[in-house]
Amino acid sequence: MSGIDLHKKEERQKLHYKMLGDLQNMARTLEKRCEDELRRRDVKIMQELDKKVMDQQGLLEKAGVPGFFVTNVRHEIQLQMYLLDFICRLAITHSSKAC
């Protein structure tokens, strides 16, 4: 192999390594963008769910269902979920006896 061919081969290798590095950087950038977008969407979904919970709490409070009021305190929401589950089970039991 001549000196010129060896030089061309070395230049091609340098170019390939540079291109590989560029592609790896692009992949990292794209991955970060995807993670950021997923995080934004997750936050938006959580905010929408929180609003739905508060809407439901307000509706049940207005209907006079005991134990229901608008709150974002986790253990109070858990208690309300248990109450709602209990009410639903009673309704199912009651409706099956009526049939």
PDB file of N, CA and C in Angstrom:
ATOM      1  N   MET A   1       0.841  -1.165   0.000  1.00  0.00           N
ATOM      2  CA  MET A   1       0.000   0.000   0.000  1.00  0.00           C
ATOM      3  C   MET A   1       0.892   1.236   0.000  1.00  0.00           C
ATOM      4  N   SER A   2       0.551   2.161  -0.854  1.00  0.00           N
ATOM      5  CA  SER A   2       1.383   3.364  -0.951  1.00  0.00           C
ATOM      6  C   SER A   2       1.038   4.337   0.167  1.00  0.00           C
ATOM      7  N   GLY A   3       1.883   5.322   0.344  1.00  0.00           N
ATOM      8  CA  GLY A   3       1.682   6.336   1.368  1.00  0.00           C
ATOM      9  C   GLY A   3       0.415   7.131   1.130  1.00  0.00           C
ATOM     10  N   ILE A   4       0.069   7.379  -0.135  1.00  0.00           N
ATOM     11  CA  ILE A   4      -1.147   8.145  -0.469  1.00  0.00           C
ATOM     12  C   ILE A   4      -2.382   7.332  -0.095  1.00  0.00           C
ATOM     13  N   ASP A   5      -2.398   6.032  -0.433  1.00  0.00           N
ATOM     14  CA  ASP A   5      -3.528   5.176  -0.099  1.00  0.00           C
ATOM     15  C   ASP A   5      -3.698   5.072   1.420  1.00  0.00           C
ATOM     16  N   LEU A   6      -2.611   4.948   2.134  1.00  0.00           N
ATOM     17  CA  LEU A   6      -2.658   4.861   3.591  1.00  0.00           C
ATOM     18  C   LEU A   6      -3.206   6.159   4.182  1.00  0.00           C
ATOM     19  N   HIS A   7      -2.798   7.276   3.611  1.00  0.00           N
ATOM     20  CA  HIS A   7      -3.281   8.581   4.072  1.00  0.00           C
ATOM     21  C   HIS A   7      -4.793   8.700   3.827  1.00  0.00           C
ATOM     22  N   LYS A   8      -5.261   8.263   2.649  1.00  0.00           N
ATOM     23  CA  LYS A   8      -6.692   8.317   2.333  1.00  0.00           C
ATOM     24  C   LYS A   8      -7.490   7.431   3.294  1.00  0.00           C
ATOM     25  N   LYS A   9      -6.928   6.261   3.589  1.00  0.00           N
ATOM     26  CA  LYS A   9      -7.595   5.339   4.506  1.00  0.00           C
ATOM     27  C   LYS A   9      -7.710   5.969   5.896  1.00  0.00           C
ATOM     28  N   GLU A  10      -6.649   6.596   6.360  1.00  0.00           N
ATOM     29  CA  GLU A  10      -6.676   7.260   7.664  1.00  0.00           C
ATOM     30  C   GLU A  10      -7.691   8.401   7.677  1.00  0.00           C
ATOM     31  N   GLU A  11      -7.757   9.156   6.593  1.00  0.00           N
ATOM     32  CA  GLU A  11      -8.726  10.260   6.507  1.00  0.00           C
ATOM     33  C   GLU A  11     -10.161   9.726   6.538  1.00  0.00           C
ATOM     34  N   ARG A  12     -10.406   8.616   5.811  1.00  0.00           N
ATOM     35  CA  ARG A  12     -11.738   8.012   5.813  1.00  0.00           C
ATOM     36  C   ARG A  12     -12.095   7.522   7.215  1.00  0.00           C
ATOM     37  N   GLN A  13     -11.156   6.918   7.908  1.00  0.00           N
ATOM     38  CA  GLN A  13     -11.393   6.449   9.271  1.00  0.00           C
ATOM     39  C   GLN A  13     -11.741   7.613  10.195  1.00  0.00           C
ATOM     40  N   LYS A  14     -10.998   8.697  10.074  1.00  0.00           N
ATOM     41  CA  LYS A  14     -11.291   9.885  10.890  1.00  0.00           C
ATOM     42  C   LYS A  14     -12.694  10.395  10.597  1.00  0.00           C
ATOM     43  N   LEU A  15     -13.043  10.432   9.322  1.00  0.00           N
ATOM     44  CA  LEU A  15     -14.375  10.896   8.924  1.00  0.00           C
ATOM     45  C   LEU A  15     -15.453   9.969   9.485  1.00  0.00           C
ATOM     46  N   HIS A  16     -15.228   8.666   9.401  1.00  0.00           N
ATOM     47  CA  HIS A  16     -16.194   7.703   9.937  1.00  0.00           C
ATOM     48  C   HIS A  16     -16.360   7.861  11.439  1.00  0.00           C
ATOM     49  N   TYR A  17     -15.261   8.026  12.157  1.00  0.00           N
ATOM     50  CA  TYR A  17     -15.346   8.224  13.608  1.00  0.00           C
ATOM     51  C   TYR A  17     -16.082   9.520  13.950  1.00  0.00           C
ATOM     52  N   LYS A  18     -15.826  10.562  13.168  1.00  0.00           N
ATOM     53  CA  LYS A  18     -16.524  11.830  13.395  1.00  0.00           C
ATOM     54  C   LYS A  18     -18.016  11.660  13.136  1.00  0.00           C
ATOM     55  N   MET A  19     -18.356  10.982  12.037  1.00  0.00           N
ATOM     56  CA  MET A  19     -19.763  10.758  11.719  1.00  0.00           C
ATOM     57  C   MET A  19     -20.433   9.907  12.793  1.00  0.00           C
ATOM     58  N   LEU A  20     -19.738   8.895  13.270  1.00  0.00           N
ATOM     59  CA  LEU A  20     -20.268   8.046  14.332  1.00  0.00           C
ATOM     60  C   LEU A  20     -20.510   8.864  15.600  1.00  0.00           C
ATOM     61  N   GLY A  21     -19.571   9.713  15.946  1.00  0.00           N
ATOM     62  CA  GLY A  21     -19.740  10.585  17.113  1.00  0.00           C
ATOM     63  C   GLY A  21     -20.914  11.525  16.948  1.00  0.00           C
ATOM     64  N   ASP A  22     -21.051  12.085  15.735  1.00  0.00           N
ATOM     65  CA  ASP A  22     -22.182  12.969  15.465  1.00  0.00           C
ATOM     66  C   ASP A  22     -23.507  12.234  15.610  1.00  0.00           C
ATOM     67  N   LEU A  23     -23.566  11.009  15.094  1.00  0.00           N
ATOM     68  CA  LEU A  23     -24.795  10.212  15.195  1.00  0.00           C
ATOM     69  C   LEU A  23     -25.119   9.877  16.650  1.00  0.00           C
ATOM     70  N   GLN A  24     -24.090   9.560  17.431  1.00  0.00           N
ATOM     71  CA  GLN A  24     -24.316   9.264  18.846  1.00  0.00           C
ATOM     72  C   GLN A  24     -24.833  10.498  19.588  1.00  0.00           C
ATOM     73  N   ASN A  25     -24.289  11.660  19.274  1.00  0.00           N
ATOM     74  CA  ASN A  25     -24.768  12.906  19.882  1.00  0.00           C
ATOM     75  C   ASN A  25     -26.212  13.181  19.484  1.00  0.00           C
ATOM     76  N   MET A  26     -26.524  12.954  18.215  1.00  0.00           N
ATOM     77  CA  MET A  26     -27.898  13.164  17.746  1.00  0.00           C
ATOM     78  C   MET A  26     -28.850  12.212  18.448  1.00  0.00           C
ATOM     79  N   ALA A  27     -28.431  10.968  18.631  1.00  0.00           N
ATOM     80  CA  ALA A  27     -29.273   9.980  19.313  1.00  0.00           C
ATOM     81  C   ALA A  27     -29.518  10.390  20.764  1.00  0.00           C
ATOM     82  N   ARG A  28     -28.475  10.865  21.456  1.00  0.00           N
ATOM     83  CA  ARG A  28     -28.639  11.324  22.840  1.00  0.00           C
ATOM     84  C   ARG A  28     -29.581  12.527  22.907  1.00  0.00           C
ATOM     85  N   THR A  29     -29.432  13.452  21.967  1.00  0.00           N
ATOM     86  CA  THR A  29     -30.298  14.631  21.934  1.00  0.00           C
ATOM     87  C   THR A  29     -31.746  14.229  21.697  1.00  0.00           C
ATOM     88  N   LEU A  30     -31.965  13.322  20.774  1.00  0.00           N
ATOM     89  CA  LEU A  30     -33.320  12.860  20.473  1.00  0.00           C
ATOM     90  C   LEU A  30     -33.918  12.126  21.667  1.00  0.00           C
ATOM     91  N   GLU A  31     -33.115  11.309  22.326  1.00  0.00           N
ATOM     92  CA  GLU A  31     -33.596  10.588  23.499  1.00  0.00           C
ATOM     93  C   GLU A  31     -33.990  11.564  24.604  1.00  0.00           C
ATOM     94  N   LYS A  32     -33.191  12.599  24.815  1.00  0.00           N
ATOM     95  CA  LYS A  32     -33.515  13.604  25.840  1.00  0.00           C
ATOM     96  C   LYS A  32     -34.801  14.334  25.489  1.00  0.00           C
ATOM     97  N   ARG A  33     -34.965  14.692  24.218  1.00  0.00           N
ATOM     98  CA  ARG A  33     -36.204  15.359  23.788  1.00  0.00           C
ATOM     99  C   ARG A  33     -37.411  14.473  24.034  1.00  0.00           C
ATOM    100  N   CYS A  34     -37.274  13.185  23.701  1.00  0.00           N
ATOM    101  CA  CYS A  34     -38.383  12.247  23.923  1.00  0.00           C
ATOM    102  C   CYS A  34     -38.723  12.138  25.404  1.00  0.00           C
ATOM    103  N   GLU A  35     -37.703  12.027  26.248  1.00  0.00           N
ATOM    104  CA  GLU A  35     -37.928  11.952  27.687  1.00  0.00           C
ATOM    105  C   GLU A  35     -38.617  13.209  28.203  1.00  0.00           C
ATOM    106  N   ASP A  36     -38.177  14.370  27.726  1.00  0.00           N
ATOM    107  CA  ASP A  36     -38.789  15.634  28.143  1.00  0.00           C
ATOM    108  C   ASP A  36     -40.248  15.701  27.707  1.00  0.00           C
ATOM    109  N   GLU A  37     -40.521  15.276  26.485  1.00  0.00           N
ATOM    110  CA  GLU A  37     -41.899  15.297  25.977  1.00  0.00           C
ATOM    111  C   GLU A  37     -42.777  14.332  26.775  1.00  0.00           C
ATOM    112  N   LEU A  38     -42.270  13.153  27.069  1.00  0.00           N
ATOM    113  CA  LEU A  38     -43.033  12.199  27.881  1.00  0.00           C
ATOM    114  C   LEU A  38     -43.312  12.760  29.273  1.00  0.00           C
ATOM    115  N   ARG A  39     -42.320  13.401  29.846  1.00  0.00           N
ATOM    116  CA  ARG A  39     -42.498  14.008  31.171  1.00  0.00           C
ATOM    117  C   ARG A  39     -43.582  15.084  31.122  1.00  0.00           C
ATOM    118  N   ARG A  40     -43.552  15.933  30.080  1.00  0.00           N
ATOM    119  CA  ARG A  40     -44.585  16.979  29.938  1.00  0.00           C
ATOM    120  C   ARG A  40     -45.968  16.358  29.785  1.00  0.00           C
ATOM    121  N   ARG A  41     -46.065  15.313  28.994  1.00  0.00           N
ATOM    122  CA  ARG A  41     -47.357  14.652  28.795  1.00  0.00           C
ATOM    123  C   ARG A  41     -47.837  14.000  30.085  1.00  0.00           C
ATOM    124  N   ASP A  42     -46.923  13.367  30.815  1.00  0.00           N
ATOM    125  CA  ASP A  42     -47.288  12.752  32.089  1.00  0.00           C
ATOM    126  C   ASP A  42     -47.842  13.793  33.062  1.00  0.00           C
ATOM    127  N   VAL A  43     -47.177  14.935  33.129  1.00  0.00           N
ATOM    128  CA  VAL A  43     -47.636  16.007  34.017  1.00  0.00           C
ATOM    129  C   VAL A  43     -49.022  16.484  33.591  1.00  0.00           C
ATOM    130  N   LYS A  44     -49.224  16.643  32.299  1.00  0.00           N
ATOM    131  CA  LYS A  44     -50.523  17.092  31.794  1.00  0.00           C
ATOM    132  C   LYS A  44     -51.622  16.082  32.135  1.00  0.00           C
ATOM    133  N   ILE A  45     -51.333  14.805  31.956  1.00  0.00           N
ATOM    134  CA  ILE A  45     -52.313  13.762  32.279  1.00  0.00           C
ATOM    135  C   ILE A  45     -52.626  13.770  33.770  1.00  0.00           C
ATOM    136  N   MET A  46     -51.589  13.903  34.611  1.00  0.00           N
ATOM    137  CA  MET A  46     -51.818  13.937  36.056  1.00  0.00           C
ATOM    138  C   MET A  46     -52.666  15.144  36.456  1.00  0.00           C
ATOM    139  N   GLN A  47     -52.429  16.285  35.823  1.00  0.00           N
ATOM    140  CA  GLN A  47     -53.234  17.471  36.116  1.00  0.00           C
ATOM    141  C   GLN A  47     -54.695  17.259  35.701  1.00  0.00           C
ATOM    142  N   GLU A  48     -54.901  16.612  34.550  1.00  0.00           N
ATOM    143  CA  GLU A  48     -56.259  16.334  34.093  1.00  0.00           C
ATOM    144  C   GLU A  48     -56.964  15.357  35.037  1.00  0.00           C
ATOM    145  N   LEU A  49     -56.228  14.337  35.500  1.00  0.00           N
ATOM    146  CA  LEU A  49     -56.815  13.389  36.448  1.00  0.00           C
ATOM    147  C   LEU A  49     -57.152  14.066  37.775  1.00  0.00           C
ATOM    148  N   ASP A  50     -56.262  14.922  38.246  1.00  0.00           N
ATOM    149  CA  ASP A  50     -56.536  15.659  39.485  1.00  0.00           C
ATOM    150  C   ASP A  50     -57.793  16.503  39.349  1.00  0.00           C
ATOM    151  N   LYS A  51     -57.966  17.127  38.189  1.00  0.00           N
ATOM    152  CA  LYS A  51     -59.166  17.933  37.959  1.00  0.00           C
ATOM    153  C   LYS A  51     -60.420  17.060  37.962  1.00  0.00           C
ATOM    154  N   LYS A  52     -60.338  15.896  37.334  1.00  0.00           N
ATOM    155  CA  LYS A  52     -61.484  14.970  37.312  1.00  0.00           C
ATOM    156  C   LYS A  52     -61.843  14.534  38.730  1.00  0.00           C
ATOM    157  N   VAL A  53     -60.835  14.234  39.539  1.00  0.00           N
ATOM    158  CA  VAL A  53     -61.079  13.830  40.927  1.00  0.00           C
ATOM    159  C   VAL A  53     -61.783  14.960  41.672  1.00  0.00           C
ATOM    160  N   MET A  54     -61.290  16.175  41.505  1.00  0.00           N
ATOM    161  CA  MET A  54     -61.894  17.315  42.202  1.00  0.00           C
ATOM    162  C   MET A  54     -63.316  17.578  41.711  1.00  0.00           C
ATOM    163  N   ASP A  55     -63.544  17.417  40.415  1.00  0.00           N
ATOM    164  CA  ASP A  55     -64.900  17.570  39.880  1.00  0.00           C
ATOM    165  C   ASP A  55     -65.843  16.538  40.499  1.00  0.00           C
ATOM    166  N   GLN A  56     -65.376  15.288  40.575  1.00  0.00           N
ATOM    167  CA  GLN A  56     -66.182  14.220  41.159  1.00  0.00           C
ATOM    168  C   GLN A  56     -66.431  14.479  42.645  1.00  0.00           C
ATOM    169  N   GLN A  57     -65.404  14.919  43.346  1.00  0.00           N
ATOM    170  CA  GLN A  57     -65.575  15.223  44.769  1.00  0.00           C
ATOM    171  C   GLN A  57     -66.623  16.321  44.960  1.00  0.00           C
ATOM    172  N   GLY A  58     -66.519  17.358  44.143  1.00  0.00           N
ATOM    173  CA  GLY A  58     -67.469  18.465  44.255  1.00  0.00           C
ATOM    174  C   GLY A  58     -68.891  18.031  43.953  1.00  0.00           C
ATOM    175  N   LEU A  59     -69.050  17.188  42.951  1.00  0.00           N
ATOM    176  CA  LEU A  59     -70.376  16.697  42.581  1.00  0.00           C
ATOM    177  C   LEU A  59     -70.973  15.849  43.700  1.00  0.00           C
ATOM    178  N   LEU A  60     -70.180  14.961  44.260  1.00  0.00           N
ATOM    179  CA  LEU A  60     -70.669  14.120  45.360  1.00  0.00           C
ATOM    180  C   LEU A  60     -70.944  14.941  46.621  1.00  0.00           C
ATOM    181  N   GLU A  61     -70.137  15.961  46.847  1.00  0.00           N
ATOM    182  CA  GLU A  61     -70.385  16.848  47.990  1.00  0.00           C
ATOM    183  C   GLU A  61     -71.712  17.583  47.808  1.00  0.00           C
ATOM    184  N   LYS A  62     -71.939  18.110  46.612  1.00  0.00           N
ATOM    185  CA  LYS A  62     -73.209  18.820  46.331  1.00  0.00           C
ATOM    186  C   LYS A  62     -74.407  17.889  46.440  1.00  0.00           C
ATOM    187  N   ALA A  63     -74.190  16.612  46.101  1.00  0.00           N
ATOM    188  CA  ALA A  63     -75.278  15.632  46.200  1.00  0.00           C
ATOM    189  C   ALA A  63     -75.540  15.236  47.650  1.00  0.00           C
ATOM    190  N   GLY A  64     -74.687  15.690  48.561  1.00  0.00           N
ATOM    191  CA  GLY A  64     -74.884  15.412  49.981  1.00  0.00           C
ATOM    192  C   GLY A  64     -74.361  14.059  50.434  1.00  0.00           C
ATOM    193  N   VAL A  65     -73.467  13.461  49.659  1.00  0.00           N
ATOM    194  CA  VAL A  65     -72.901  12.165  50.048  1.00  0.00           C
ATOM    195  C   VAL A  65     -71.906  12.406  51.190  1.00  0.00           C
ATOM    196  N   PRO A  66     -72.145  11.770  52.342  1.00  0.00           N
ATOM    197  CA  PRO A  66     -71.258  11.979  53.486  1.00  0.00           C
ATOM    198  C   PRO A  66     -69.817  11.574  53.175  1.00  0.00           C
ATOM    199  N   GLY A  67     -68.866  12.349  53.697  1.00  0.00           N
ATOM    200  CA  GLY A  67     -67.451  12.031  53.536  1.00  0.00           C
ATOM    201  C   GLY A  67     -66.825  12.621  52.283  1.00  0.00           C
ATOM    202  N   PHE A  68     -67.627  13.273  51.456  1.00  0.00           N
ATOM    203  CA  PHE A  68     -67.078  13.824  50.221  1.00  0.00           C
ATOM    204  C   PHE A  68     -66.988  15.344  50.285  1.00  0.00           C
ATOM    205  N   PHE A  69     -65.806  15.826  49.971  1.00  0.00           N
ATOM    206  CA  PHE A  69     -65.511  17.248  49.883  1.00  0.00           C
ATOM    207  C   PHE A  69     -64.283  17.368  48.992  1.00  0.00           C
ATOM    208  N   VAL A  70     -64.079  18.535  48.445  1.00  0.00           N
ATOM    209  CA  VAL A  70     -62.950  18.733  47.539  1.00  0.00           C
ATOM    210  C   VAL A  70     -61.667  18.812  48.350  1.00  0.00           C
ATOM    211  N   THR A  71     -60.720  17.940  48.005  1.00  0.00           N
ATOM    212  CA  THR A  71     -59.429  17.891  48.689  1.00  0.00           C
ATOM    213  C   THR A  71     -58.384  17.319  47.745  1.00  0.00           C
ATOM    214  N   ASN A  72     -57.143  17.626  48.039  1.00  0.00           N
ATOM    215  CA  ASN A  72     -56.048  16.988  47.297  1.00  0.00           C
ATOM    216  C   ASN A  72     -55.103  16.262  48.263  1.00  0.00           C
ATOM    217  N   VAL A  73     -55.567  16.055  49.494  1.00  0.00           N
ATOM    218  CA  VAL A  73     -54.788  15.317  50.497  1.00  0.00           C
ATOM    219  C   VAL A  73     -54.937  13.824  50.203  1.00  0.00           C
ATOM    220  N   ARG A  74     -53.807  13.189  50.015  1.00  0.00           N
ATOM    221  CA  ARG A  74     -53.783  11.798  49.528  1.00  0.00           C
ATOM    222  C   ARG A  74     -54.598  10.832  50.391  1.00  0.00           C
ATOM    223  N   HIS A  75     -54.427  10.881  51.709  1.00  0.00           N
ATOM    224  CA  HIS A  75     -55.144   9.913  52.543  1.00  0.00           C
ATOM    225  C   HIS A  75     -56.651  10.202  52.568  1.00  0.00           C
ATOM    226  N   GLU A  76     -57.038  11.452  52.425  1.00  0.00           N
ATOM    227  CA  GLU A  76     -58.463  11.774  52.354  1.00  0.00           C
ATOM    228  C   GLU A  76     -59.070  11.274  51.041  1.00  0.00           C
ATOM    229  N   ILE A  77     -58.323  11.390  49.960  1.00  0.00           N
ATOM    230  CA  ILE A  77     -58.780  10.870  48.670  1.00  0.00           C
ATOM    231  C   ILE A  77     -58.900   9.348  48.745  1.00  0.00           C
ATOM    232  N   GLN A  78     -57.931   8.689  49.379  1.00  0.00           N
ATOM    233  CA  GLN A  78     -57.983   7.231  49.529  1.00  0.00           C
ATOM    234  C   GLN A  78     -59.227   6.822  50.313  1.00  0.00           C
ATOM    235  N   LEU A  79     -59.535   7.549  51.382  1.00  0.00           N
ATOM    236  CA  LEU A  79     -60.727   7.266  52.170  1.00  0.00           C
ATOM    237  C   LEU A  79     -61.979   7.444  51.316  1.00  0.00           C
ATOM    238  N   GLN A  80     -62.019   8.497  50.516  1.00  0.00           N
ATOM    239  CA  GLN A  80     -63.163   8.716  49.636  1.00  0.00           C
ATOM    240  C   GLN A  80     -63.295   7.587  48.608  1.00  0.00           C
ATOM    241  N   MET A  81     -62.174   7.075  48.143  1.00  0.00           N
ATOM    242  CA  MET A  81     -62.226   5.955  47.197  1.00  0.00           C
ATOM    243  C   MET A  81     -62.823   4.724  47.868  1.00  0.00           C
ATOM    244  N   TYR A  82     -62.440   4.467  49.118  1.00  0.00           N
ATOM    245  CA  TYR A  82     -63.021   3.347  49.851  1.00  0.00           C
ATOM    246  C   TYR A  82     -64.526   3.551  50.043  1.00  0.00           C
ATOM    247  N   LEU A  83     -64.913   4.767  50.401  1.00  0.00           N
ATOM    248  CA  LEU A  83     -66.340   5.065  50.567  1.00  0.00           C
ATOM    249  C   LEU A  83     -67.110   4.843  49.263  1.00  0.00           C
ATOM    250  N   LEU A  84     -66.553   5.327  48.174  1.00  0.00           N
ATOM    251  CA  LEU A  84     -67.213   5.176  46.877  1.00  0.00           C
ATOM    252  C   LEU A  84     -67.314   3.703  46.495  1.00  0.00           C
ATOM    253  N   ASP A  85     -66.262   2.937  46.750  1.00  0.00           N
ATOM    254  CA  ASP A  85     -66.300   1.503  46.475  1.00  0.00           C
ATOM    255  C   ASP A  85     -67.385   0.832  47.312  1.00  0.00           C
ATOM    256  N   PHE A  86     -67.482   1.198  48.582  1.00  0.00           N
ATOM    257  CA  PHE A  86     -68.496   0.636  49.472  1.00  0.00           C
ATOM    258  C   PHE A  86     -69.895   0.968  48.966  1.00  0.00           C
ATOM    259  N   ILE A  87     -70.098   2.203  48.574  1.00  0.00           N
ATOM    260  CA  ILE A  87     -71.404   2.625  48.054  1.00  0.00           C
ATOM    261  C   ILE A  87     -71.759   1.832  46.789  1.00  0.00           C
ATOM    262  N   CYS A  88     -70.790   1.663  45.923  1.00  0.00           N
ATOM    263  CA  CYS A  88     -71.036   0.900  44.683  1.00  0.00           C
ATOM    264  C   CYS A  88     -71.377  -0.551  45.000  1.00  0.00           C
ATOM    265  N   ARG A  89     -70.678  -1.152  45.954  1.00  0.00           N
ATOM    266  CA  ARG A  89     -70.975  -2.544  46.336  1.00  0.00           C
ATOM    267  C   ARG A  89     -72.373  -2.657  46.925  1.00  0.00           C
ATOM    268  N   LEU A  90     -72.755  -1.682  47.734  1.00  0.00           N
ATOM    269  CA  LEU A  90     -74.114  -1.678  48.291  1.00  0.00           C
ATOM    270  C   LEU A  90     -75.154  -1.566  47.175  1.00  0.00           C
ATOM    271  N   ALA A  91     -74.882  -0.705  46.214  1.00  0.00           N
ATOM    272  CA  ALA A  91     -75.817  -0.519  45.112  1.00  0.00           C
ATOM    273  C   ALA A  91     -75.965  -1.799  44.305  1.00  0.00           C
ATOM    274  N   ILE A  92     -74.874  -2.496  44.048  1.00  0.00           N
ATOM    275  CA  ILE A  92     -74.915  -3.743  43.295  1.00  0.00           C
ATOM    276  C   ILE A  92     -75.679  -4.808  44.089  1.00  0.00           C
ATOM    277  N   THR A  93     -75.370  -4.912  45.379  1.00  0.00           N
ATOM    278  CA  THR A  93     -76.046  -5.880  46.228  1.00  0.00           C
ATOM    279  C   THR A  93     -77.534  -5.584  46.296  1.00  0.00           C
ATOM    280  N   HIS A  94     -77.868  -4.335  46.455  1.00  0.00           N
ATOM    281  CA  HIS A  94     -79.263  -3.923  46.567  1.00  0.00           C
ATOM    282  C   HIS A  94     -80.003  -4.184  45.253  1.00  0.00           C
ATOM    283  N   SER A  95     -79.382  -3.868  44.143  1.00  0.00           N
ATOM    284  CA  SER A  95     -80.052  -4.025  42.850  1.00  0.00           C
ATOM    285  C   SER A  95     -80.222  -5.501  42.493  1.00  0.00           C
ATOM    286  N   SER A  96     -79.314  -6.382  42.919  1.00  0.00           N
ATOM    287  CA  SER A  96     -79.456  -7.812  42.606  1.00  0.00           C
ATOM    288  C   SER A  96     -80.555  -8.456  43.463  1.00  0.00           C
ATOM    289  N   LYS A  97     -80.770  -7.942  44.668  1.00  0.00           N
ATOM    290  CA  LYS A  97     -81.844  -8.461  45.509  1.00  0.00           C
ATOM    291  C   LYS A  97     -83.208  -8.022  44.979  1.00  0.00           C
ATOM    292  N   ALA A  98     -83.216  -6.860  44.346  1.00  0.00           N
ATOM    293  CA  ALA A  98     -84.480  -6.337  43.840  1.00  0.00           C
ATOM    294  C   ALA A  98     -84.927  -7.100  42.601  1.00  0.00           C
ATOM    295  N   CYS A  99     -84.016  -7.747  41.917  1.00  0.00           N
ATOM    296  CA  CYS A  99     -84.363  -8.458  40.682  1.00  0.00           C
ATOM    297  C   CYS A  99     -85.095  -9.723  40.910  1.00  0.00           C
TER     298      CYS A  99
END
